[in-house]
Amino acid sequence: MYPSLETPDFTRDYFPYIVREKVARGEVFEAVDAAMAPVDDDEEAVKAVLKVALCCIQNQREMRPTIQTVVDMLEGRVAVDLPPENRHHLL
């Protein structure tokens, strides 16, 4: 069950927001499982994947990227930014 959008703890307890905040603060490797951290510590690649993942879980369908855009983002042909901070946008 998703946390209530009305509770003050929503952002603190909701995993997508925890990840978004860590990426925004540059704490990329704190947002991933240490056992799965890349061997070469490619922070930019990890950051890109996290940003794409956050874009893909937008609550409103029209805000989510198409699969072609996702591929382009992951391959570096399209810039990827963090999605909006508004709690109503992330699933």
PDB file of N, CA and C in Angstrom:
ATOM      1  N   MET A   1       0.836  -1.174   0.000  1.00  0.00           N
ATOM      2  CA  MET A   1       0.000   0.000   0.000  1.00  0.00           C
ATOM      3  C   MET A   1       0.885   1.243   0.000  1.00  0.00           C
ATOM      4  N   TYR A   2       0.502   2.222  -0.775  1.00  0.00           N
ATOM      5  CA  TYR A   2       1.242   3.475  -0.847  1.00  0.00           C
ATOM      6  C   TYR A   2       0.932   4.326   0.374  1.00  0.00           C
ATOM      7  N   PRO A   3       1.913   5.115   0.822  1.00  0.00           N
ATOM      8  CA  PRO A   3       1.627   6.004   1.946  1.00  0.00           C
ATOM      9  C   PRO A   3       0.614   7.060   1.535  1.00  0.00           C
ATOM     10  N   SER A   4      -0.100   7.563   2.507  1.00  0.00           N
ATOM     11  CA  SER A   4      -1.093   8.598   2.227  1.00  0.00           C
ATOM     12  C   SER A   4      -0.404   9.874   1.766  1.00  0.00           C
ATOM     13  N   LEU A   5      -0.951  10.480   0.713  1.00  0.00           N
ATOM     14  CA  LEU A   5      -0.395  11.734   0.214  1.00  0.00           C
ATOM     15  C   LEU A   5      -0.606  12.872   1.199  1.00  0.00           C
ATOM     16  N   GLU A   6      -1.452  12.650   2.174  1.00  0.00           N
ATOM     17  CA  GLU A   6      -1.788  13.708   3.119  1.00  0.00           C
ATOM     18  C   GLU A   6      -0.924  13.687   4.376  1.00  0.00           C
ATOM     19  N   THR A   7      -0.155  12.639   4.604  1.00  0.00           N
ATOM     20  CA  THR A   7       0.622  12.553   5.832  1.00  0.00           C
ATOM     21  C   THR A   7       1.917  13.337   5.713  1.00  0.00           C
ATOM     22  N   PRO A   8       2.351  13.949   6.807  1.00  0.00           N
ATOM     23  CA  PRO A   8       3.594  14.719   6.770  1.00  0.00           C
ATOM     24  C   PRO A   8       4.820  13.843   6.562  1.00  0.00           C
ATOM     25  N   ASP A   9       4.728  12.543   6.883  1.00  0.00           N
ATOM     26  CA  ASP A   9       5.864  11.641   6.729  1.00  0.00           C
ATOM     27  C   ASP A   9       5.975  11.070   5.327  1.00  0.00           C
ATOM     28  N   PHE A  10       5.090  11.483   4.435  1.00  0.00           N
ATOM     29  CA  PHE A  10       5.073  10.912   3.093  1.00  0.00           C
ATOM     30  C   PHE A  10       6.440  10.983   2.434  1.00  0.00           C
ATOM     31  N   THR A  11       7.040  12.141   2.375  1.00  0.00           N
ATOM     32  CA  THR A  11       8.312  12.272   1.672  1.00  0.00           C
ATOM     33  C   THR A  11       9.434  11.585   2.414  1.00  0.00           C
ATOM     34  N   ARG A  12       9.417  11.608   3.719  1.00  0.00           N
ATOM     35  CA  ARG A  12      10.486  10.992   4.496  1.00  0.00           C
ATOM     36  C   ARG A  12      10.475   9.471   4.364  1.00  0.00           C
ATOM     37  N   ASP A  13       9.315   8.876   4.261  1.00  0.00           N
ATOM     38  CA  ASP A  13       9.196   7.429   4.271  1.00  0.00           C
ATOM     39  C   ASP A  13       9.037   6.795   2.895  1.00  0.00           C
ATOM     40  N   TYR A  14       8.834   7.572   1.882  1.00  0.00           N
ATOM     41  CA  TYR A  14       8.509   7.035   0.567  1.00  0.00           C
ATOM     42  C   TYR A  14       9.781   6.860  -0.250  1.00  0.00           C
ATOM     43  N   PHE A  15      10.089   5.625  -0.614  1.00  0.00           N
ATOM     44  CA  PHE A  15      11.365   5.291  -1.243  1.00  0.00           C
ATOM     45  C   PHE A  15      11.723   6.148  -2.456  1.00  0.00           C
ATOM     46  N   PRO A  16      10.808   6.387  -3.407  1.00  0.00           N
ATOM     47  CA  PRO A  16      11.196   7.245  -4.541  1.00  0.00           C
ATOM     48  C   PRO A  16      11.661   8.636  -4.109  1.00  0.00           C
ATOM     49  N   TYR A  17      11.095   9.160  -3.064  1.00  0.00           N
ATOM     50  CA  TYR A  17      11.525  10.478  -2.589  1.00  0.00           C
ATOM     51  C   TYR A  17      12.870  10.410  -1.896  1.00  0.00           C
ATOM     52  N   ILE A  18      13.114   9.346  -1.184  1.00  0.00           N
ATOM     53  CA  ILE A  18      14.423   9.162  -0.556  1.00  0.00           C
ATOM     54  C   ILE A  18      15.491   9.125  -1.645  1.00  0.00           C
ATOM     55  N   VAL A  19      15.251   8.341  -2.689  1.00  0.00           N
ATOM     56  CA  VAL A  19      16.201   8.242  -3.802  1.00  0.00           C
ATOM     57  C   VAL A  19      16.363   9.588  -4.481  1.00  0.00           C
ATOM     58  N   ARG A  20      15.255  10.260  -4.761  1.00  0.00           N
ATOM     59  CA  ARG A  20      15.327  11.555  -5.449  1.00  0.00           C
ATOM     60  C   ARG A  20      16.165  12.551  -4.658  1.00  0.00           C
ATOM     61  N   GLU A  21      15.960  12.604  -3.357  1.00  0.00           N
ATOM     62  CA  GLU A  21      16.712  13.540  -2.520  1.00  0.00           C
ATOM     63  C   GLU A  21      18.195  13.193  -2.479  1.00  0.00           C
ATOM     64  N   LYS A  22      18.511  11.913  -2.403  1.00  0.00           N
ATOM     65  CA  LYS A  22      19.920  11.510  -2.388  1.00  0.00           C
ATOM     66  C   LYS A  22      20.601  11.873  -3.707  1.00  0.00           C
ATOM     67  N   VAL A  23      19.936  11.643  -4.815  1.00  0.00           N
ATOM     68  CA  VAL A  23      20.500  12.003  -6.117  1.00  0.00           C
ATOM     69  C   VAL A  23      20.659  13.520  -6.210  1.00  0.00           C
ATOM     70  N   ALA A  24      19.659  14.259  -5.768  1.00  0.00           N
ATOM     71  CA  ALA A  24      19.718  15.725  -5.817  1.00  0.00           C
ATOM     72  C   ALA A  24      20.872  16.269  -4.975  1.00  0.00           C
ATOM     73  N   ARG A  25      21.185  15.588  -3.873  1.00  0.00           N
ATOM     74  CA  ARG A  25      22.278  16.035  -2.997  1.00  0.00           C
ATOM     75  C   ARG A  25      23.631  15.474  -3.422  1.00  0.00           C
ATOM     76  N   GLY A  26      23.652  14.667  -4.484  1.00  0.00           N
ATOM     77  CA  GLY A  26      24.915  14.089  -4.939  1.00  0.00           C
ATOM     78  C   GLY A  26      25.335  12.858  -4.161  1.00  0.00           C
ATOM     79  N   GLU A  27      24.423  12.278  -3.404  1.00  0.00           N
ATOM     80  CA  GLU A  27      24.708  11.083  -2.603  1.00  0.00           C
ATOM     81  C   GLU A  27      24.264   9.841  -3.370  1.00  0.00           C
ATOM     82  N   VAL A  28      24.777   9.720  -4.586  1.00  0.00           N
ATOM     83  CA  VAL A  28      24.307   8.694  -5.523  1.00  0.00           C
ATOM     84  C   VAL A  28      24.474   7.288  -4.972  1.00  0.00           C
ATOM     85  N   PHE A  29      25.644   6.967  -4.440  1.00  0.00           N
ATOM     86  CA  PHE A  29      25.884   5.602  -3.988  1.00  0.00           C
ATOM     87  C   PHE A  29      25.157   5.264  -2.693  1.00  0.00           C
ATOM     88  N   GLU A  30      24.596   6.249  -2.018  1.00  0.00           N
ATOM     89  CA  GLU A  30      23.752   5.980  -0.854  1.00  0.00           C
ATOM     90  C   GLU A  30      22.343   5.580  -1.280  1.00  0.00           C
ATOM     91  N   ALA A  31      22.039   5.760  -2.553  1.00  0.00           N
ATOM     92  CA  ALA A  31      20.702   5.437  -3.069  1.00  0.00           C
ATOM     93  C   ALA A  31      20.639   4.046  -3.681  1.00  0.00           C
ATOM     94  N   VAL A  32      21.765   3.352  -3.732  1.00  0.00           N
ATOM     95  CA  VAL A  32      21.782   2.008  -4.317  1.00  0.00           C
ATOM     96  C   VAL A  32      22.291   1.007  -3.288  1.00  0.00           C
ATOM     97  N   ASP A  33      21.934  -0.233  -3.487  1.00  0.00           N
ATOM     98  CA  ASP A  33      22.392  -1.315  -2.629  1.00  0.00           C
ATOM     99  C   ASP A  33      23.900  -1.457  -2.797  1.00  0.00           C
ATOM    100  N   ALA A  34      24.643  -1.415  -1.711  1.00  0.00           N
ATOM    101  CA  ALA A  34      26.104  -1.494  -1.769  1.00  0.00           C
ATOM    102  C   ALA A  34      26.579  -2.772  -2.454  1.00  0.00           C
ATOM    103  N   ALA A  35      25.816  -3.853  -2.316  1.00  0.00           N
ATOM    104  CA  ALA A  35      26.198  -5.113  -2.959  1.00  0.00           C
ATOM    105  C   ALA A  35      26.076  -5.029  -4.474  1.00  0.00           C
ATOM    106  N   MET A  36      25.291  -4.068  -4.958  1.00  0.00           N
ATOM    107  CA  MET A  36      25.090  -3.935  -6.396  1.00  0.00           C
ATOM    108  C   MET A  36      25.841  -2.737  -6.978  1.00  0.00           C
ATOM    109  N   ALA A  37      26.599  -2.033  -6.149  1.00  0.00           N
ATOM    110  CA  ALA A  37      27.338  -0.859  -6.624  1.00  0.00           C
ATOM    111  C   ALA A  37      28.332  -1.293  -7.694  1.00  0.00           C
ATOM    112  N   PRO A  38      28.478  -0.489  -8.731  1.00  0.00           N
ATOM    113  CA  PRO A  38      29.396  -0.849  -9.808  1.00  0.00           C
ATOM    114  C   PRO A  38      30.836  -0.909  -9.322  1.00  0.00           C
ATOM    115  N   VAL A  39      31.584  -1.834  -9.889  1.00  0.00           N
ATOM    116  CA  VAL A  39      32.978  -2.028  -9.509  1.00  0.00           C
ATOM    117  C   VAL A  39      33.810  -0.796  -9.839  1.00  0.00           C
ATOM    118  N   ASP A  40      33.546  -0.176 -10.976  1.00  0.00           N
ATOM    119  CA  ASP A  40      34.363   0.961 -11.406  1.00  0.00           C
ATOM    120  C   ASP A  40      33.873   2.294 -10.844  1.00  0.00           C
ATOM    121  N   ASP A  41      32.880   2.264  -9.976  1.00  0.00           N
ATOM    122  CA  ASP A  41      32.361   3.480  -9.338  1.00  0.00           C
ATOM    123  C   ASP A  41      31.994   4.567 -10.343  1.00  0.00           C
ATOM    124  N   ASP A  42      31.331   4.194 -11.410  1.00  0.00           N
ATOM    125  CA  ASP A  42      30.923   5.158 -12.432  1.00  0.00           C
ATOM    126  C   ASP A  42      29.699   5.914 -11.936  1.00  0.00           C
ATOM    127  N   GLU A  43      29.945   6.945 -11.148  1.00  0.00           N
ATOM    128  CA  GLU A  43      28.863   7.693 -10.510  1.00  0.00           C
ATOM    129  C   GLU A  43      27.904   8.307 -11.519  1.00  0.00           C
ATOM    130  N   GLU A  44      28.409   8.814 -12.620  1.00  0.00           N
ATOM    131  CA  GLU A  44      27.537   9.437 -13.621  1.00  0.00           C
ATOM    132  C   GLU A  44      26.580   8.422 -14.241  1.00  0.00           C
ATOM    133  N   ALA A  45      27.055   7.206 -14.491  1.00  0.00           N
ATOM    134  CA  ALA A  45      26.185   6.173 -15.058  1.00  0.00           C
ATOM    135  C   ALA A  45      25.105   5.772 -14.056  1.00  0.00           C
ATOM    136  N   VAL A  46      25.493   5.619 -12.796  1.00  0.00           N
ATOM    137  CA  VAL A  46      24.523   5.263 -11.756  1.00  0.00           C
ATOM    138  C   VAL A  46      23.498   6.385 -11.601  1.00  0.00           C
ATOM    139  N   LYS A  47      23.960   7.624 -11.598  1.00  0.00           N
ATOM    140  CA  LYS A  47      23.058   8.770 -11.478  1.00  0.00           C
ATOM    141  C   LYS A  47      22.067   8.796 -12.638  1.00  0.00           C
ATOM    142  N   ALA A  48      22.553   8.530 -13.847  1.00  0.00           N
ATOM    143  CA  ALA A  48      21.671   8.532 -15.020  1.00  0.00           C
ATOM    144  C   ALA A  48      20.596   7.459 -14.895  1.00  0.00           C
ATOM    145  N   VAL A  49      20.979   6.267 -14.470  1.00  0.00           N
ATOM    146  CA  VAL A  49      20.013   5.174 -14.326  1.00  0.00           C
ATOM    147  C   VAL A  49      18.971   5.521 -13.257  1.00  0.00           C
ATOM    148  N   LEU A  50      19.405   6.093 -12.145  1.00  0.00           N
ATOM    149  CA  LEU A  50      18.458   6.481 -11.095  1.00  0.00           C
ATOM    150  C   LEU A  50      17.493   7.554 -11.589  1.00  0.00           C
ATOM    151  N   LYS A  51      18.000   8.529 -12.325  1.00  0.00           N
ATOM    152  CA  LYS A  51      17.131   9.584 -12.856  1.00  0.00           C
ATOM    153  C   LYS A  51      16.117   9.014 -13.841  1.00  0.00           C
ATOM    154  N   VAL A  52      16.572   8.107 -14.705  1.00  0.00           N
ATOM    155  CA  VAL A  52      15.657   7.486 -15.665  1.00  0.00           C
ATOM    156  C   VAL A  52      14.587   6.697 -14.916  1.00  0.00           C
ATOM    157  N   ALA A  53      15.005   5.944 -13.912  1.00  0.00           N
ATOM    158  CA  ALA A  53      14.045   5.162 -13.127  1.00  0.00           C
ATOM    159  C   ALA A  53      13.000   6.066 -12.486  1.00  0.00           C
ATOM    160  N   LEU A  54      13.433   7.188 -11.927  1.00  0.00           N
ATOM    161  CA  LEU A  54      12.485   8.117 -11.311  1.00  0.00           C
ATOM    162  C   LEU A  54      11.544   8.725 -12.343  1.00  0.00           C
ATOM    163  N   CYS A  55      12.039   8.971 -13.538  1.00  0.00           N
ATOM    164  CA  CYS A  55      11.172   9.489 -14.611  1.00  0.00           C
ATOM    165  C   CYS A  55      10.116   8.456 -15.008  1.00  0.00           C
ATOM    166  N   CYS A  56      10.499   7.187 -14.956  1.00  0.00           N
ATOM    167  CA  CYS A  56       9.602   6.114 -15.402  1.00  0.00           C
ATOM    168  C   CYS A  56       8.480   5.807 -14.417  1.00  0.00           C
ATOM    169  N   ILE A  57       8.574   6.300 -13.192  1.00  0.00           N
ATOM    170  CA  ILE A  57       7.521   6.013 -12.212  1.00  0.00           C
ATOM    171  C   ILE A  57       6.659   7.238 -11.932  1.00  0.00           C
ATOM    172  N   GLN A  58       6.619   8.158 -12.863  1.00  0.00           N
ATOM    173  CA  GLN A  58       5.744   9.320 -12.718  1.00  0.00           C
ATOM    174  C   GLN A  58       4.296   8.854 -12.634  1.00  0.00           C
ATOM    175  N   ASN A  59       3.536   9.447 -11.750  1.00  0.00           N
ATOM    176  CA  ASN A  59       2.141   9.077 -11.555  1.00  0.00           C
ATOM    177  C   ASN A  59       1.300   9.355 -12.798  1.00  0.00           C
ATOM    178  N   GLN A  60       1.535  10.491 -13.428  1.00  0.00           N
ATOM    179  CA  GLN A  60       0.772  10.851 -14.619  1.00  0.00           C
ATOM    180  C   GLN A  60       1.447  10.263 -15.856  1.00  0.00           C
ATOM    181  N   ARG A  61       0.706   9.482 -16.573  1.00  0.00           N
ATOM    182  CA  ARG A  61       1.235   8.759 -17.728  1.00  0.00           C
ATOM    183  C   ARG A  61       1.949   9.670 -18.723  1.00  0.00           C
ATOM    184  N   GLU A  62       1.369  10.841 -18.990  1.00  0.00           N
ATOM    185  CA  GLU A  62       1.956  11.739 -19.984  1.00  0.00           C
ATOM    186  C   GLU A  62       3.303  12.312 -19.537  1.00  0.00           C
ATOM    187  N   MET A  63       3.630  12.179 -18.268  1.00  0.00           N
ATOM    188  CA  MET A  63       4.922  12.663 -17.774  1.00  0.00           C
ATOM    189  C   MET A  63       6.014  11.604 -17.880  1.00  0.00           C
ATOM    190  N   ARG A  64       5.627  10.354 -18.128  1.00  0.00           N
ATOM    191  CA  ARG A  64       6.613   9.275 -18.250  1.00  0.00           C
ATOM    192  C   ARG A  64       7.226   9.272 -19.647  1.00  0.00           C
ATOM    193  N   PRO A  65       8.517   8.959 -19.744  1.00  0.00           N
ATOM    194  CA  PRO A  65       9.148   8.898 -21.068  1.00  0.00           C
ATOM    195  C   PRO A  65       8.704   7.650 -21.826  1.00  0.00           C
ATOM    196  N   THR A  66       8.754   7.746 -23.149  1.00  0.00           N
ATOM    197  CA  THR A  66       8.488   6.565 -23.973  1.00  0.00           C
ATOM    198  C   THR A  66       9.678   5.626 -23.857  1.00  0.00           C
ATOM    199  N   ILE A  67       9.505   4.391 -24.274  1.00  0.00           N
ATOM    200  CA  ILE A  67      10.611   3.437 -24.211  1.00  0.00           C
ATOM    201  C   ILE A  67      11.768   3.902 -25.092  1.00  0.00           C
ATOM    202  N   GLN A  68      11.461   4.517 -26.230  1.00  0.00           N
ATOM    203  CA  GLN A  68      12.537   5.031 -27.086  1.00  0.00           C
ATOM    204  C   GLN A  68      13.302   6.147 -26.388  1.00  0.00           C
ATOM    205  N   THR A  69      12.594   7.005 -25.682  1.00  0.00           N
ATOM    206  CA  THR A  69      13.261   8.074 -24.932  1.00  0.00           C
ATOM    207  C   THR A  69      14.104   7.492 -23.807  1.00  0.00           C
ATOM    208  N   VAL A  70      13.608   6.451 -23.151  1.00  0.00           N
ATOM    209  CA  VAL A  70      14.380   5.783 -22.099  1.00  0.00           C
ATOM    210  C   VAL A  70      15.685   5.244 -22.678  1.00  0.00           C
ATOM    211  N   VAL A  71      15.600   4.578 -23.812  1.00  0.00           N
ATOM    212  CA  VAL A  71      16.808   4.051 -24.464  1.00  0.00           C
ATOM    213  C   VAL A  71      17.760   5.193 -24.788  1.00  0.00           C
ATOM    214  N   ASP A  72      17.225   6.271 -25.354  1.00  0.00           N
ATOM    215  CA  ASP A  72      18.059   7.425 -25.698  1.00  0.00           C
ATOM    216  C   ASP A  72      18.700   8.045 -24.452  1.00  0.00           C
ATOM    217  N   MET A  73      17.956   8.093 -23.352  1.00  0.00           N
ATOM    218  CA  MET A  73      18.512   8.622 -22.100  1.00  0.00           C
ATOM    219  C   MET A  73      19.656   7.739 -21.613  1.00  0.00           C
ATOM    220  N   LEU A  74      19.427   6.438 -21.602  1.00  0.00           N
ATOM    221  CA  LEU A  74      20.438   5.511 -21.097  1.00  0.00           C
ATOM    222  C   LEU A  74      21.681   5.476 -21.976  1.00  0.00           C
ATOM    223  N   GLU A  75      21.508   5.734 -23.255  1.00  0.00           N
ATOM    224  CA  GLU A  75      22.649   5.739 -24.174  1.00  0.00           C
ATOM    225  C   GLU A  75      23.277   7.122 -24.303  1.00  0.00           C
ATOM    226  N   GLY A  76      22.740   8.101 -23.581  1.00  0.00           N
ATOM    227  CA  GLY A  76      23.341   9.425 -23.547  1.00  0.00           C
ATOM    228  C   GLY A  76      22.977  10.358 -24.684  1.00  0.00           C
ATOM    229  N   ARG A  77      21.998   9.995 -25.486  1.00  0.00           N
ATOM    230  CA  ARG A  77      21.582  10.853 -26.605  1.00  0.00           C
ATOM    231  C   ARG A  77      20.594  11.926 -26.173  1.00  0.00           C
ATOM    232  N   VAL A  78      19.936  11.701 -25.053  1.00  0.00           N
ATOM    233  CA  VAL A  78      18.956  12.653 -24.521  1.00  0.00           C
ATOM    234  C   VAL A  78      19.322  12.927 -23.064  1.00  0.00           C
ATOM    235  N   ALA A  79      19.351  14.205 -22.704  1.00  0.00           N
ATOM    236  CA  ALA A  79      19.645  14.575 -21.317  1.00  0.00           C
ATOM    237  C   ALA A  79      18.497  14.136 -20.415  1.00  0.00           C
ATOM    238  N   VAL A  80      18.840  13.764 -19.216  1.00  0.00           N
ATOM    239  CA  VAL A  80      17.815  13.346 -18.255  1.00  0.00           C
ATOM    240  C   VAL A  80      17.977  14.169 -16.982  1.00  0.00           C
ATOM    241  N   ASP A  81      16.866  14.727 -16.535  1.00  0.00           N
ATOM    242  CA  ASP A  81      16.849  15.515 -15.307  1.00  0.00           C
ATOM    243  C   ASP A  81      15.998  14.805 -14.271  1.00  0.00           C
ATOM    244  N   LEU A  82      16.122  15.248 -13.038  1.00  0.00           N
ATOM    245  CA  LEU A  82      15.252  14.714 -11.996  1.00  0.00           C
ATOM    246  C   LEU A  82      13.822  15.149 -12.272  1.00  0.00           C
ATOM    247  N   PRO A  83      12.867  14.271 -12.003  1.00  0.00           N
ATOM    248  CA  PRO A  83      11.460  14.655 -12.170  1.00  0.00           C
ATOM    249  C   PRO A  83      11.074  15.694 -11.120  1.00  0.00           C
ATOM    250  N   PRO A  84       9.894  16.284 -11.263  1.00  0.00           N
ATOM    251  CA  PRO A  84       9.443  17.288 -10.290  1.00  0.00           C
ATOM    252  C   PRO A  84       9.431  16.733  -8.871  1.00  0.00           C
ATOM    253  N   GLU A  85       9.616  17.610  -7.921  1.00  0.00           N
ATOM    254  CA  GLU A  85       9.642  17.208  -6.517  1.00  0.00           C
ATOM    255  C   GLU A  85       8.243  17.012  -5.946  1.00  0.00           C
ATOM    256  N   ASN A  86       7.237  17.518  -6.610  1.00  0.00           N
ATOM    257  CA  ASN A  86       5.858  17.425  -6.138  1.00  0.00           C
ATOM    258  C   ASN A  86       5.491  15.972  -5.859  1.00  0.00           C
ATOM    259  N   ARG A  87       4.999  15.698  -4.662  1.00  0.00           N
ATOM    260  CA  ARG A  87       4.704  14.320  -4.256  1.00  0.00           C
ATOM    261  C   ARG A  87       3.602  13.666  -5.076  1.00  0.00           C
ATOM    262  N   HIS A  88       2.816  14.431  -5.792  1.00  0.00           N
ATOM    263  CA  HIS A  88       1.736  13.853  -6.589  1.00  0.00           C
ATOM    264  C   HIS A  88       2.238  13.311  -7.925  1.00  0.00           C
ATOM    265  N   HIS A  89       3.499  13.574  -8.256  1.00  0.00           N
ATOM    266  CA  HIS A  89       4.015  13.127  -9.544  1.00  0.00           C
ATOM    267  C   HIS A  89       4.611  11.726  -9.502  1.00  0.00           C
ATOM    268  N   LEU A  90       5.184  11.318  -8.384  1.00  0.00           N
ATOM    269  CA  LEU A  90       5.796   9.996  -8.299  1.00  0.00           C
ATOM    270  C   LEU A  90       4.798   8.985  -7.768  1.00  0.00           C
ATOM    271  N   LEU A  91       4.850   7.774  -8.314  1.00  0.00           N
ATOM    272  CA  LEU A  91       3.962   6.702  -7.850  1.00  0.00           C
ATOM    273  C   LEU A  91       4.302   6.321  -6.433  1.00  0.00           C
TER     274      LEU A  91
END
